[in-house]
Each structure stands twice: as structure tokens, then as C-alpha cells.
Amino acid sequence: MTMPDKYPEFGQCVHKVVMHPARPERLFLQSHRGLYRSDNCAENWLDIANGVPSDFGFAMLTHPRNPDCVYIVPVESDEFRCACDGRLRVYRTRNGGASWEPLMRGLPQKRAYETVLRDAISADSFDPVGIYFGTRSGQLFGSRDEGRTWHKILEGLPSVVCVRTAVVEDASGGVGRTLPKAAPAPSSPTKSRSKSKTRRPKR
């Protein structure tokens, strides 16, 4: 039986490639067959799937200011494209892929068979950086502290295929990070009714 070549000249299925503008020669690659980094403009690649539950996935994101920091969301396999072990976890490296750490505080850790697609994760430009991602089940999650803690922003959406961030000025001209929240129910004001009589002219 002939096994397929893990490193063919062509036919590789690239899921996501990211680059930080501060180090344009360095590329991070999430492919169908693994997780890699190149330090010489894609001439050579290094396997960096160290300490992740799976090297299969789609989403990948670089930190806006730190070229050594990358975020990924591994999924089980090509055959089962859901979060590993039913636990939704974002993984972060801060040393170019030498090691990875799970970021899961606030994310569902039981029966969370979620998938995050390649463009469904994004970051804002604040300090600390906000990270946001959506799932194929229509949920939107966010972190205001670079992934240390998470909270659900919205659910009940169609399958999320793309997430983007924008900075919006408020009415006073200031800039701030705001997340969707439920508007309070309007209070019932006490109405003072004044009776007025209109006299009809006599015929």
C-alpha cells in the first residue's frame, strides 16, 4: 500500500496563511495536513504543532502588535470538523509556535461541537487587544483581554463565516469599545391628565 506524500510539490490544501507587517518574511500556515511556520518567505517550513490537541483547523490570527503571537482554534479532524473533545478552546502562542496555551475561561467546555471557519476570527486595535470569533452554529464570542477570558456576545445567528472589527466614534467624538447589550425596558411615566371642557356655541 502506497501512502500519500505528506509534502507534495502541489495539491496542498491551504486553510489559512497569516503574516505580521513587522516581520513580513515570517509566515504562519494552517493547512489541511498541519500547522507550520516559515521564517524565509515560504522557502522552508517548520512544523509547529507542539502542544495542540490537533493540527487540523481553519481559523488563524496574528496579534496586531506582537509578531510572535498567533491564535488558532483546532478542530478534531477532517472527518469530524468540530472542537476537540467537545471543548471550545482557542490556542495561543507567544513564542512563534514553540509552545501553545489553551484559552478557554468563559467558553463552553461540554458538548461544544463547534467549528470556527478561516475568516471567522478577528482582533481590534485596542490595548489590551480584543479578540472575537463566530461559530458555524451562529454564536459570537469575544474577549477584551487578549483571550484570557471570554464571554458570549450573541447567539441565534446564521452560520458565521466572517468576523471583522471596526472602531466607531461616539456622539461626543470619543472612541471606545462597546459590545451589544440588551436595552432596558422603558419605564412607564406617570401621566397627569388635565380635563378641559370645550363649550359649544348655542344655536
N, C-alpha and C. Protein backbone atom coordinates (compact mmCIF):
# COMPACT_ATOMS: atom_id res chain seq x y z
N MET A 1 0.85 -1.20 0.00
CA MET A 1 0.00 0.00 0.00
C MET A 1 0.88 1.24 0.00
N THR A 2 0.62 2.17 -0.91
CA THR A 2 1.40 3.39 -1.02
C THR A 2 0.73 4.52 -0.25
N MET A 3 1.47 5.08 0.70
CA MET A 3 0.95 6.18 1.49
C MET A 3 1.14 7.50 0.74
N PRO A 4 0.20 8.46 0.86
CA PRO A 4 0.37 9.75 0.18
C PRO A 4 1.55 10.53 0.75
N ASP A 5 2.20 11.30 -0.11
CA ASP A 5 3.33 12.13 0.30
C ASP A 5 2.82 13.27 1.18
N LYS A 6 3.39 13.40 2.37
CA LYS A 6 2.95 14.47 3.27
C LYS A 6 3.36 15.84 2.76
N TYR A 7 4.42 15.91 1.96
CA TYR A 7 4.91 17.19 1.46
C TYR A 7 4.97 17.18 -0.08
N PRO A 8 3.82 17.09 -0.75
CA PRO A 8 3.84 17.07 -2.22
C PRO A 8 4.22 18.44 -2.79
N GLU A 9 4.69 18.44 -4.04
CA GLU A 9 5.04 19.70 -4.69
C GLU A 9 3.81 20.56 -4.94
N PHE A 10 2.69 19.95 -5.20
CA PHE A 10 1.45 20.70 -5.41
C PHE A 10 0.29 19.89 -4.85
N GLY A 11 -0.86 20.54 -4.73
CA GLY A 11 -2.03 19.86 -4.20
C GLY A 11 -2.25 20.05 -2.72
N GLN A 12 -1.39 20.84 -2.05
CA GLN A 12 -1.58 21.11 -0.63
C GLN A 12 -2.85 21.95 -0.45
N CYS A 13 -3.64 21.62 0.55
CA CYS A 13 -4.88 22.35 0.83
C CYS A 13 -4.58 23.39 1.92
N VAL A 14 -4.42 24.62 1.52
CA VAL A 14 -4.11 25.70 2.45
C VAL A 14 -5.42 26.23 3.05
N HIS A 15 -5.53 26.21 4.36
CA HIS A 15 -6.71 26.73 5.01
C HIS A 15 -6.55 28.20 5.37
N LYS A 16 -5.37 28.59 5.87
CA LYS A 16 -5.16 29.99 6.25
C LYS A 16 -3.67 30.29 6.34
N VAL A 17 -3.26 31.44 5.83
CA VAL A 17 -1.89 31.93 5.97
C VAL A 17 -1.97 33.34 6.56
N VAL A 18 -1.17 33.61 7.61
CA VAL A 18 -1.15 34.95 8.20
C VAL A 18 0.28 35.45 8.28
N MET A 19 0.41 36.78 8.27
CA MET A 19 1.71 37.43 8.32
C MET A 19 1.58 38.70 9.14
N HIS A 20 2.60 39.01 9.91
CA HIS A 20 2.60 40.26 10.67
C HIS A 20 3.42 41.28 9.89
N PRO A 21 2.91 42.52 9.73
CA PRO A 21 3.65 43.52 8.94
C PRO A 21 5.02 43.87 9.50
N ALA A 22 5.25 43.65 10.81
CA ALA A 22 6.55 43.93 11.39
C ALA A 22 7.60 42.91 10.98
N ARG A 23 7.15 41.70 10.57
CA ARG A 23 8.07 40.64 10.11
C ARG A 23 7.50 40.00 8.85
N PRO A 24 7.57 40.68 7.73
CA PRO A 24 6.92 40.18 6.50
C PRO A 24 7.53 38.90 5.96
N GLU A 25 8.75 38.57 6.39
CA GLU A 25 9.38 37.33 5.90
C GLU A 25 8.86 36.10 6.63
N ARG A 26 8.15 36.30 7.73
CA ARG A 26 7.65 35.18 8.53
C ARG A 26 6.17 34.91 8.21
N LEU A 27 5.87 33.65 7.94
CA LEU A 27 4.51 33.24 7.61
C LEU A 27 4.08 32.12 8.55
N PHE A 28 2.82 32.16 8.96
CA PHE A 28 2.22 31.06 9.71
C PHE A 28 1.15 30.43 8.83
N LEU A 29 1.14 29.10 8.80
CA LEU A 29 0.25 28.37 7.89
C LEU A 29 -0.55 27.32 8.64
N GLN A 30 -1.88 27.38 8.46
CA GLN A 30 -2.76 26.29 8.90
C GLN A 30 -3.24 25.60 7.64
N SER A 31 -2.79 24.37 7.44
CA SER A 31 -3.15 23.65 6.23
C SER A 31 -3.98 22.43 6.58
N HIS A 32 -4.39 21.72 5.54
CA HIS A 32 -5.17 20.50 5.73
C HIS A 32 -4.35 19.42 6.42
N ARG A 33 -3.05 19.53 6.33
CA ARG A 33 -2.17 18.49 6.86
C ARG A 33 -1.27 18.94 8.00
N GLY A 34 -1.50 20.13 8.56
CA GLY A 34 -0.65 20.51 9.68
C GLY A 34 -0.59 22.00 9.94
N LEU A 35 0.28 22.33 10.88
CA LEU A 35 0.47 23.69 11.37
C LEU A 35 1.95 24.04 11.22
N TYR A 36 2.27 25.11 10.48
CA TYR A 36 3.66 25.37 10.12
C TYR A 36 4.01 26.86 10.24
N ARG A 37 5.32 27.11 10.25
CA ARG A 37 5.86 28.47 10.22
C ARG A 37 7.05 28.50 9.27
N SER A 38 7.12 29.59 8.52
CA SER A 38 8.28 29.84 7.66
C SER A 38 8.93 31.15 8.07
N ASP A 39 10.24 31.17 8.16
CA ASP A 39 10.98 32.38 8.51
C ASP A 39 11.72 32.98 7.33
N ASN A 40 11.51 32.40 6.14
CA ASN A 40 12.24 32.89 4.96
C ASN A 40 11.33 32.97 3.73
N CYS A 41 10.19 33.60 3.92
CA CYS A 41 9.27 33.88 2.81
C CYS A 41 8.80 32.61 2.10
N ALA A 42 8.52 31.57 2.86
CA ALA A 42 7.94 30.32 2.36
C ALA A 42 8.94 29.42 1.64
N GLU A 43 10.23 29.70 1.76
CA GLU A 43 11.23 28.80 1.16
C GLU A 43 11.28 27.48 1.93
N ASN A 44 11.19 27.55 3.24
CA ASN A 44 11.21 26.36 4.09
C ASN A 44 10.13 26.50 5.16
N TRP A 45 9.66 25.34 5.63
CA TRP A 45 8.60 25.34 6.63
C TRP A 45 8.98 24.47 7.81
N LEU A 46 8.56 24.92 9.00
CA LEU A 46 8.82 24.21 10.25
C LEU A 46 7.49 23.81 10.88
N ASP A 47 7.39 22.54 11.26
CA ASP A 47 6.20 22.04 11.94
C ASP A 47 6.14 22.64 13.35
N ILE A 48 5.04 23.33 13.67
CA ILE A 48 4.93 23.98 14.99
C ILE A 48 3.71 23.46 15.76
N ALA A 49 3.25 22.26 15.43
CA ALA A 49 2.10 21.66 16.14
C ALA A 49 2.57 21.04 17.45
N ASN A 50 3.08 21.88 18.34
CA ASN A 50 3.61 21.41 19.62
C ASN A 50 2.66 21.77 20.74
N GLY A 51 1.99 20.77 21.31
CA GLY A 51 1.12 21.04 22.44
C GLY A 51 -0.29 21.44 22.08
N VAL A 52 -0.71 21.17 20.86
CA VAL A 52 -2.10 21.41 20.46
C VAL A 52 -2.81 20.07 20.33
N PRO A 53 -4.12 20.02 20.61
CA PRO A 53 -4.82 18.74 20.56
C PRO A 53 -4.99 18.19 19.14
N SER A 54 -4.86 19.05 18.14
CA SER A 54 -4.97 18.64 16.75
C SER A 54 -4.26 19.67 15.89
N ASP A 55 -3.64 19.21 14.80
CA ASP A 55 -3.01 20.16 13.88
C ASP A 55 -3.92 20.49 12.71
N PHE A 56 -5.19 20.10 12.84
CA PHE A 56 -6.18 20.39 11.80
C PHE A 56 -7.05 21.56 12.29
N GLY A 57 -7.36 22.47 11.39
CA GLY A 57 -8.20 23.60 11.74
C GLY A 57 -8.31 24.57 10.59
N PHE A 58 -8.96 25.68 10.83
CA PHE A 58 -9.19 26.67 9.78
C PHE A 58 -8.76 28.08 10.22
N ALA A 59 -9.24 28.51 11.38
CA ALA A 59 -9.03 29.89 11.81
C ALA A 59 -7.61 30.12 12.31
N MET A 60 -7.06 31.28 11.97
CA MET A 60 -5.73 31.68 12.43
C MET A 60 -5.66 33.20 12.41
N LEU A 61 -5.01 33.77 13.45
CA LEU A 61 -4.98 35.22 13.59
C LEU A 61 -3.67 35.65 14.24
N THR A 62 -3.05 36.71 13.73
CA THR A 62 -1.87 37.27 14.37
C THR A 62 -2.28 38.41 15.29
N HIS A 63 -1.52 38.56 16.37
CA HIS A 63 -1.72 39.69 17.28
C HIS A 63 -1.35 40.97 16.53
N PRO A 64 -2.13 42.05 16.67
CA PRO A 64 -1.83 43.26 15.90
C PRO A 64 -0.49 43.91 16.18
N ARG A 65 0.08 43.67 17.39
CA ARG A 65 1.33 44.34 17.74
C ARG A 65 2.49 43.38 18.02
N ASN A 66 2.19 42.13 18.29
CA ASN A 66 3.24 41.17 18.65
C ASN A 66 3.40 40.13 17.54
N PRO A 67 4.47 40.18 16.76
CA PRO A 67 4.62 39.24 15.64
C PRO A 67 4.86 37.80 16.07
N ASP A 68 5.16 37.55 17.34
CA ASP A 68 5.36 36.19 17.83
C ASP A 68 4.08 35.56 18.37
N CYS A 69 3.01 36.33 18.39
CA CYS A 69 1.75 35.87 18.99
C CYS A 69 0.73 35.55 17.91
N VAL A 70 0.22 34.31 17.96
CA VAL A 70 -0.76 33.83 16.98
C VAL A 70 -1.85 33.07 17.72
N TYR A 71 -3.07 33.18 17.22
CA TYR A 71 -4.23 32.47 17.77
C TYR A 71 -4.76 31.47 16.74
N ILE A 72 -5.15 30.28 17.21
CA ILE A 72 -5.78 29.28 16.35
C ILE A 72 -6.94 28.64 17.12
N VAL A 73 -7.81 27.94 16.39
CA VAL A 73 -8.91 27.18 17.00
C VAL A 73 -8.89 25.78 16.39
N PRO A 74 -8.19 24.83 17.01
CA PRO A 74 -8.09 23.48 16.43
C PRO A 74 -9.44 22.77 16.41
N VAL A 75 -9.64 21.93 15.39
CA VAL A 75 -10.79 21.03 15.34
C VAL A 75 -10.28 19.59 15.26
N GLU A 76 -11.18 18.66 15.51
CA GLU A 76 -10.80 17.26 15.70
C GLU A 76 -10.03 16.68 14.51
N SER A 77 -10.63 16.71 13.33
CA SER A 77 -10.01 16.08 12.15
C SER A 77 -10.80 16.46 10.92
N ASP A 78 -10.29 16.02 9.77
CA ASP A 78 -11.01 16.22 8.51
C ASP A 78 -12.36 15.50 8.55
N GLU A 79 -12.38 14.33 9.18
CA GLU A 79 -13.61 13.53 9.24
C GLU A 79 -14.62 14.08 10.25
N PHE A 80 -14.13 14.76 11.31
CA PHE A 80 -15.01 15.29 12.36
C PHE A 80 -14.59 16.72 12.64
N ARG A 81 -15.18 17.65 11.92
CA ARG A 81 -14.73 19.04 11.95
C ARG A 81 -15.41 19.83 13.06
N CYS A 82 -15.14 19.45 14.28
CA CYS A 82 -15.69 20.11 15.46
C CYS A 82 -14.60 20.27 16.51
N ALA A 83 -14.84 21.12 17.48
CA ALA A 83 -13.86 21.37 18.55
C ALA A 83 -13.44 20.06 19.21
N CYS A 84 -12.16 19.94 19.48
CA CYS A 84 -11.61 18.71 20.04
C CYS A 84 -12.25 18.37 21.38
N ASP A 85 -12.68 17.12 21.53
CA ASP A 85 -13.27 16.62 22.78
C ASP A 85 -14.53 17.38 23.19
N GLY A 86 -15.15 18.09 22.26
CA GLY A 86 -16.35 18.85 22.59
C GLY A 86 -16.10 20.03 23.49
N ARG A 87 -14.86 20.52 23.51
CA ARG A 87 -14.48 21.65 24.36
C ARG A 87 -13.98 22.78 23.45
N LEU A 88 -14.66 23.92 23.52
CA LEU A 88 -14.29 25.05 22.67
C LEU A 88 -13.11 25.79 23.29
N ARG A 89 -11.95 25.69 22.63
CA ARG A 89 -10.73 26.30 23.15
C ARG A 89 -9.98 27.04 22.04
N VAL A 90 -9.57 28.23 22.36
CA VAL A 90 -8.67 28.98 21.48
C VAL A 90 -7.25 28.72 21.99
N TYR A 91 -6.31 28.48 21.08
CA TYR A 91 -4.92 28.27 21.48
C TYR A 91 -4.08 29.45 21.03
N ARG A 92 -3.15 29.84 21.90
CA ARG A 92 -2.29 31.00 21.62
C ARG A 92 -0.83 30.62 21.81
N THR A 93 -0.01 31.07 20.88
CA THR A 93 1.44 31.00 21.07
C THR A 93 1.97 32.41 21.19
N ARG A 94 2.93 32.60 22.09
CA ARG A 94 3.59 33.90 22.22
C ARG A 94 5.08 33.80 21.93
N ASN A 95 5.48 32.65 21.36
CA ASN A 95 6.89 32.46 21.01
C ASN A 95 7.05 31.85 19.62
N GLY A 96 6.19 32.27 18.71
CA GLY A 96 6.32 31.85 17.33
C GLY A 96 5.99 30.40 17.06
N GLY A 97 5.25 29.76 17.95
CA GLY A 97 4.87 28.37 17.73
C GLY A 97 5.70 27.35 18.47
N ALA A 98 6.65 27.80 19.28
CA ALA A 98 7.45 26.86 20.07
C ALA A 98 6.58 26.15 21.11
N SER A 99 5.55 26.83 21.60
CA SER A 99 4.61 26.23 22.54
C SER A 99 3.26 26.93 22.39
N TRP A 100 2.21 26.25 22.85
CA TRP A 100 0.85 26.78 22.76
C TRP A 100 0.16 26.65 24.11
N GLU A 101 -0.75 27.58 24.39
CA GLU A 101 -1.53 27.51 25.63
C GLU A 101 -3.01 27.62 25.30
N PRO A 102 -3.87 26.82 25.97
CA PRO A 102 -5.31 26.92 25.73
C PRO A 102 -5.92 28.11 26.45
N LEU A 103 -6.83 28.79 25.79
CA LEU A 103 -7.56 29.92 26.36
C LEU A 103 -9.04 29.54 26.33
N MET A 104 -9.61 29.22 27.49
CA MET A 104 -10.96 28.66 27.50
C MET A 104 -11.86 29.22 28.59
N ARG A 105 -11.36 30.12 29.41
CA ARG A 105 -12.18 30.65 30.51
C ARG A 105 -13.36 31.44 29.96
N GLY A 106 -14.57 30.95 30.23
CA GLY A 106 -15.78 31.59 29.73
C GLY A 106 -16.35 30.92 28.49
N LEU A 107 -15.62 29.99 27.88
CA LEU A 107 -16.10 29.27 26.71
C LEU A 107 -16.72 27.94 27.14
N PRO A 108 -17.71 27.42 26.40
CA PRO A 108 -18.34 26.15 26.77
C PRO A 108 -17.37 24.99 26.68
N GLN A 109 -17.36 24.13 27.70
CA GLN A 109 -16.42 23.02 27.77
C GLN A 109 -17.10 21.66 27.79
N LYS A 110 -18.40 21.63 27.55
CA LYS A 110 -19.12 20.37 27.48
C LYS A 110 -20.03 20.36 26.27
N ARG A 111 -19.89 19.33 25.43
CA ARG A 111 -20.71 19.16 24.23
C ARG A 111 -20.69 20.40 23.35
N ALA A 112 -19.56 21.04 23.27
CA ALA A 112 -19.41 22.24 22.43
C ALA A 112 -18.79 21.81 21.10
N TYR A 113 -19.57 21.18 20.27
CA TYR A 113 -19.07 20.67 19.00
C TYR A 113 -19.16 21.78 17.95
N GLU A 114 -18.29 22.75 18.12
CA GLU A 114 -18.31 23.96 17.30
C GLU A 114 -17.19 23.94 16.26
N THR A 115 -17.40 24.73 15.21
CA THR A 115 -16.38 24.92 14.19
C THR A 115 -16.22 26.41 13.94
N VAL A 116 -14.98 26.88 13.91
CA VAL A 116 -14.68 28.27 13.58
C VAL A 116 -13.98 28.28 12.23
N LEU A 117 -14.60 28.91 11.25
CA LEU A 117 -14.06 28.92 9.90
C LEU A 117 -12.92 29.92 9.75
N ARG A 118 -12.25 29.86 8.61
CA ARG A 118 -10.95 30.54 8.44
C ARG A 118 -11.01 32.06 8.60
N ASP A 119 -12.12 32.69 8.22
CA ASP A 119 -12.22 34.15 8.33
C ASP A 119 -13.12 34.59 9.47
N ALA A 120 -13.49 33.66 10.34
CA ALA A 120 -14.44 33.97 11.41
C ALA A 120 -13.78 34.34 12.72
N ILE A 121 -12.57 34.88 12.67
CA ILE A 121 -11.88 35.37 13.86
C ILE A 121 -11.19 36.68 13.51
N SER A 122 -11.21 37.62 14.45
CA SER A 122 -10.66 38.94 14.17
C SER A 122 -10.21 39.60 15.48
N ALA A 123 -9.43 40.66 15.35
CA ALA A 123 -8.93 41.39 16.52
C ALA A 123 -9.16 42.88 16.31
N ASP A 124 -9.29 43.61 17.42
CA ASP A 124 -9.38 45.06 17.31
C ASP A 124 -8.01 45.69 17.58
N SER A 125 -7.97 47.02 17.67
CA SER A 125 -6.69 47.72 17.81
C SER A 125 -6.50 48.34 19.19
N PHE A 126 -7.32 47.92 20.16
CA PHE A 126 -7.21 48.49 21.50
C PHE A 126 -6.07 47.85 22.29
N ASP A 127 -5.82 48.38 23.45
CA ASP A 127 -4.81 47.84 24.36
C ASP A 127 -5.43 47.71 25.75
N PRO A 128 -5.68 46.48 26.23
CA PRO A 128 -5.34 45.21 25.60
C PRO A 128 -6.22 44.90 24.38
N VAL A 129 -5.71 44.03 23.55
CA VAL A 129 -6.38 43.69 22.30
C VAL A 129 -7.64 42.87 22.56
N GLY A 130 -8.68 43.17 21.82
CA GLY A 130 -9.90 42.37 21.85
C GLY A 130 -9.88 41.33 20.74
N ILE A 131 -10.29 40.11 21.06
CA ILE A 131 -10.35 39.02 20.09
C ILE A 131 -11.81 38.58 19.98
N TYR A 132 -12.27 38.34 18.75
CA TYR A 132 -13.67 37.98 18.51
C TYR A 132 -13.72 36.84 17.49
N PHE A 133 -14.64 35.88 17.72
CA PHE A 133 -14.81 34.83 16.73
C PHE A 133 -16.26 34.35 16.73
N GLY A 134 -16.66 33.81 15.58
CA GLY A 134 -18.01 33.26 15.42
C GLY A 134 -17.94 31.80 15.03
N THR A 135 -19.03 31.08 15.27
CA THR A 135 -19.07 29.64 15.01
C THR A 135 -20.10 29.32 13.92
N ARG A 136 -20.01 28.11 13.42
CA ARG A 136 -20.96 27.68 12.40
C ARG A 136 -22.36 27.48 12.97
N SER A 137 -22.46 27.37 14.28
CA SER A 137 -23.78 27.25 14.90
C SER A 137 -24.43 28.60 15.17
N GLY A 138 -23.74 29.70 14.79
CA GLY A 138 -24.33 31.02 14.92
C GLY A 138 -24.10 31.73 16.23
N GLN A 139 -22.99 31.40 16.91
CA GLN A 139 -22.66 32.09 18.15
C GLN A 139 -21.46 33.02 17.93
N LEU A 140 -21.46 34.13 18.67
CA LEU A 140 -20.37 35.10 18.57
C LEU A 140 -19.78 35.29 19.97
N PHE A 141 -18.45 35.08 20.08
CA PHE A 141 -17.75 35.20 21.35
C PHE A 141 -16.73 36.32 21.26
N GLY A 142 -16.41 36.91 22.41
CA GLY A 142 -15.42 37.99 22.44
C GLY A 142 -14.60 37.98 23.71
N SER A 143 -13.40 38.53 23.61
CA SER A 143 -12.51 38.68 24.75
C SER A 143 -11.95 40.10 24.73
N ARG A 144 -11.97 40.77 25.88
CA ARG A 144 -11.41 42.12 25.98
C ARG A 144 -9.99 42.12 26.54
N ASP A 145 -9.47 40.94 26.86
CA ASP A 145 -8.14 40.87 27.49
C ASP A 145 -7.22 39.88 26.77
N GLU A 146 -7.26 39.94 25.43
CA GLU A 146 -6.34 39.18 24.59
C GLU A 146 -6.53 37.66 24.72
N GLY A 147 -7.74 37.25 25.11
CA GLY A 147 -8.05 35.82 25.15
C GLY A 147 -8.02 35.20 26.54
N ARG A 148 -7.66 35.98 27.55
CA ARG A 148 -7.59 35.41 28.90
C ARG A 148 -8.97 34.98 29.38
N THR A 149 -9.98 35.81 29.13
CA THR A 149 -11.35 35.46 29.47
C THR A 149 -12.25 35.74 28.27
N TRP A 150 -13.36 35.01 28.19
CA TRP A 150 -14.29 35.12 27.07
C TRP A 150 -15.71 35.29 27.58
N HIS A 151 -16.56 35.85 26.72
CA HIS A 151 -17.99 35.87 27.00
C HIS A 151 -18.75 35.81 25.68
N LYS A 152 -19.95 35.29 25.77
CA LYS A 152 -20.80 35.20 24.57
C LYS A 152 -21.44 36.55 24.31
N ILE A 153 -21.30 37.05 23.09
CA ILE A 153 -21.87 38.33 22.71
C ILE A 153 -23.27 38.15 22.13
N LEU A 154 -23.43 37.11 21.31
CA LEU A 154 -24.68 36.93 20.58
C LEU A 154 -24.82 35.47 20.19
N GLU A 155 -26.06 35.02 20.04
CA GLU A 155 -26.32 33.68 19.52
C GLU A 155 -27.56 33.73 18.65
N GLY A 156 -27.86 32.61 17.98
CA GLY A 156 -29.02 32.58 17.11
C GLY A 156 -28.78 33.16 15.73
N LEU A 157 -27.52 33.39 15.39
CA LEU A 157 -27.18 33.90 14.06
C LEU A 157 -27.13 32.76 13.05
N PRO A 158 -27.16 33.07 11.75
CA PRO A 158 -26.83 32.05 10.77
C PRO A 158 -25.36 31.63 10.94
N SER A 159 -24.95 30.64 10.22
CA SER A 159 -23.56 30.19 10.30
C SER A 159 -22.61 31.37 10.05
N VAL A 160 -21.69 31.61 10.98
CA VAL A 160 -20.78 32.76 10.89
C VAL A 160 -19.56 32.36 10.05
N VAL A 161 -19.37 33.01 8.93
CA VAL A 161 -18.25 32.70 8.06
C VAL A 161 -17.18 33.78 8.08
N CYS A 162 -17.50 34.97 8.59
CA CYS A 162 -16.53 36.06 8.59
C CYS A 162 -16.82 37.01 9.74
N VAL A 163 -15.77 37.42 10.46
CA VAL A 163 -15.90 38.39 11.54
C VAL A 163 -14.89 39.51 11.28
N ARG A 164 -15.34 40.75 11.37
CA ARG A 164 -14.46 41.90 11.23
C ARG A 164 -14.76 42.90 12.33
N THR A 165 -13.76 43.70 12.70
CA THR A 165 -13.93 44.70 13.74
C THR A 165 -13.80 46.10 13.16
N ALA A 166 -14.40 47.06 13.85
CA ALA A 166 -14.32 48.46 13.43
C ALA A 166 -14.34 49.34 14.67
N VAL A 167 -13.67 50.47 14.60
CA VAL A 167 -13.68 51.46 15.67
C VAL A 167 -14.68 52.54 15.30
N VAL A 168 -15.63 52.78 16.20
CA VAL A 168 -16.70 53.74 15.93
C VAL A 168 -16.67 54.83 16.99
N GLU A 169 -16.69 56.07 16.56
CA GLU A 169 -16.72 57.19 17.49
C GLU A 169 -18.12 57.38 18.04
N ASP A 170 -18.19 57.76 19.33
CA ASP A 170 -19.49 58.03 19.90
C ASP A 170 -19.90 59.47 19.60
N ALA A 171 -21.03 59.87 20.12
CA ALA A 171 -21.57 61.19 19.79
C ALA A 171 -20.66 62.34 20.24
N SER A 172 -19.87 62.11 21.29
CA SER A 172 -19.01 63.16 21.81
C SER A 172 -17.66 63.21 21.09
N GLY A 173 -17.45 62.31 20.13
CA GLY A 173 -16.20 62.29 19.41
C GLY A 173 -15.16 61.37 20.01
N GLY A 174 -15.49 60.73 21.13
CA GLY A 174 -14.57 59.80 21.75
C GLY A 174 -14.63 58.43 21.09
N VAL A 175 -13.60 57.64 21.33
CA VAL A 175 -13.53 56.30 20.76
C VAL A 175 -13.55 55.30 21.89
N GLY A 176 -14.38 54.31 21.79
CA GLY A 176 -14.45 53.29 22.83
C GLY A 176 -14.90 51.97 22.27
N ARG A 177 -14.66 50.91 23.03
CA ARG A 177 -15.04 49.57 22.61
C ARG A 177 -16.35 49.23 23.29
N THR A 178 -17.39 49.01 22.51
CA THR A 178 -18.69 48.66 23.05
C THR A 178 -19.15 47.35 22.47
N LEU A 179 -19.83 46.56 23.28
CA LEU A 179 -20.38 45.29 22.85
C LEU A 179 -21.89 45.37 22.91
N PRO A 180 -22.58 44.57 22.07
CA PRO A 180 -24.04 44.61 22.09
C PRO A 180 -24.59 44.26 23.47
N LYS A 181 -25.60 44.94 23.87
CA LYS A 181 -26.25 44.61 25.14
C LYS A 181 -27.74 44.91 25.01
N ALA A 182 -28.51 44.26 25.87
CA ALA A 182 -29.95 44.43 25.81
C ALA A 182 -30.33 45.80 26.33
N ALA A 183 -31.20 46.43 25.63
CA ALA A 183 -31.66 47.74 26.08
C ALA A 183 -32.65 47.55 27.22
N PRO A 184 -32.58 48.39 28.26
CA PRO A 184 -33.52 48.27 29.37
C PRO A 184 -34.94 48.56 28.92
N ALA A 185 -35.88 47.90 29.57
CA ALA A 185 -37.28 48.13 29.25
C ALA A 185 -37.67 49.55 29.63
N PRO A 186 -38.40 50.23 28.80
CA PRO A 186 -38.77 51.61 29.13
C PRO A 186 -39.70 51.64 30.32
N SER A 187 -39.48 52.60 31.21
CA SER A 187 -40.33 52.75 32.37
C SER A 187 -41.64 53.42 31.98
N SER A 188 -42.66 53.17 32.74
CA SER A 188 -43.97 53.77 32.45
C SER A 188 -44.09 55.10 33.17
N PRO A 189 -44.04 56.19 32.48
CA PRO A 189 -44.11 57.50 33.15
C PRO A 189 -45.51 57.75 33.71
N THR A 190 -45.58 58.48 34.81
CA THR A 190 -46.86 58.85 35.41
C THR A 190 -47.42 60.05 34.66
N LYS A 191 -48.56 59.86 34.07
CA LYS A 191 -49.16 60.93 33.27
C LYS A 191 -50.18 61.71 34.11
N SER A 192 -50.05 62.99 34.07
CA SER A 192 -51.04 63.84 34.75
C SER A 192 -52.02 64.33 33.70
N ARG A 193 -53.24 63.90 33.83
CA ARG A 193 -54.25 64.26 32.85
C ARG A 193 -55.03 65.49 33.34
N SER A 194 -55.14 66.46 32.52
CA SER A 194 -55.93 67.65 32.86
C SER A 194 -57.18 67.66 32.01
N LYS A 195 -58.31 67.83 32.65
CA LYS A 195 -59.57 67.83 31.93
C LYS A 195 -59.89 69.25 31.47
N SER A 196 -60.23 69.35 30.23
CA SER A 196 -60.61 70.66 29.70
C SER A 196 -61.96 70.54 29.01
N LYS A 197 -62.80 71.49 29.23
CA LYS A 197 -64.13 71.48 28.64
C LYS A 197 -64.18 72.46 27.49
N THR A 198 -64.79 72.03 26.44
CA THR A 198 -64.96 72.90 25.27
C THR A 198 -66.43 73.28 25.17
N ARG A 199 -66.67 74.52 25.20
CA ARG A 199 -68.05 74.99 25.10
C ARG A 199 -68.50 75.07 23.66
N ARG A 200 -69.65 74.50 23.44
CA ARG A 200 -70.21 74.60 22.11
C ARG A 200 -71.08 75.85 22.01
N PRO A 201 -71.01 76.48 20.88
CA PRO A 201 -71.86 77.70 20.75
C PRO A 201 -73.35 77.33 20.78
N LYS A 202 -74.13 78.19 21.41
CA LYS A 202 -75.58 77.96 21.46
C LYS A 202 -76.20 78.31 20.10
N ARG A 203 -77.18 77.49 19.74
CA ARG A 203 -77.86 77.74 18.49
C ARG A 203 -79.06 78.67 18.72
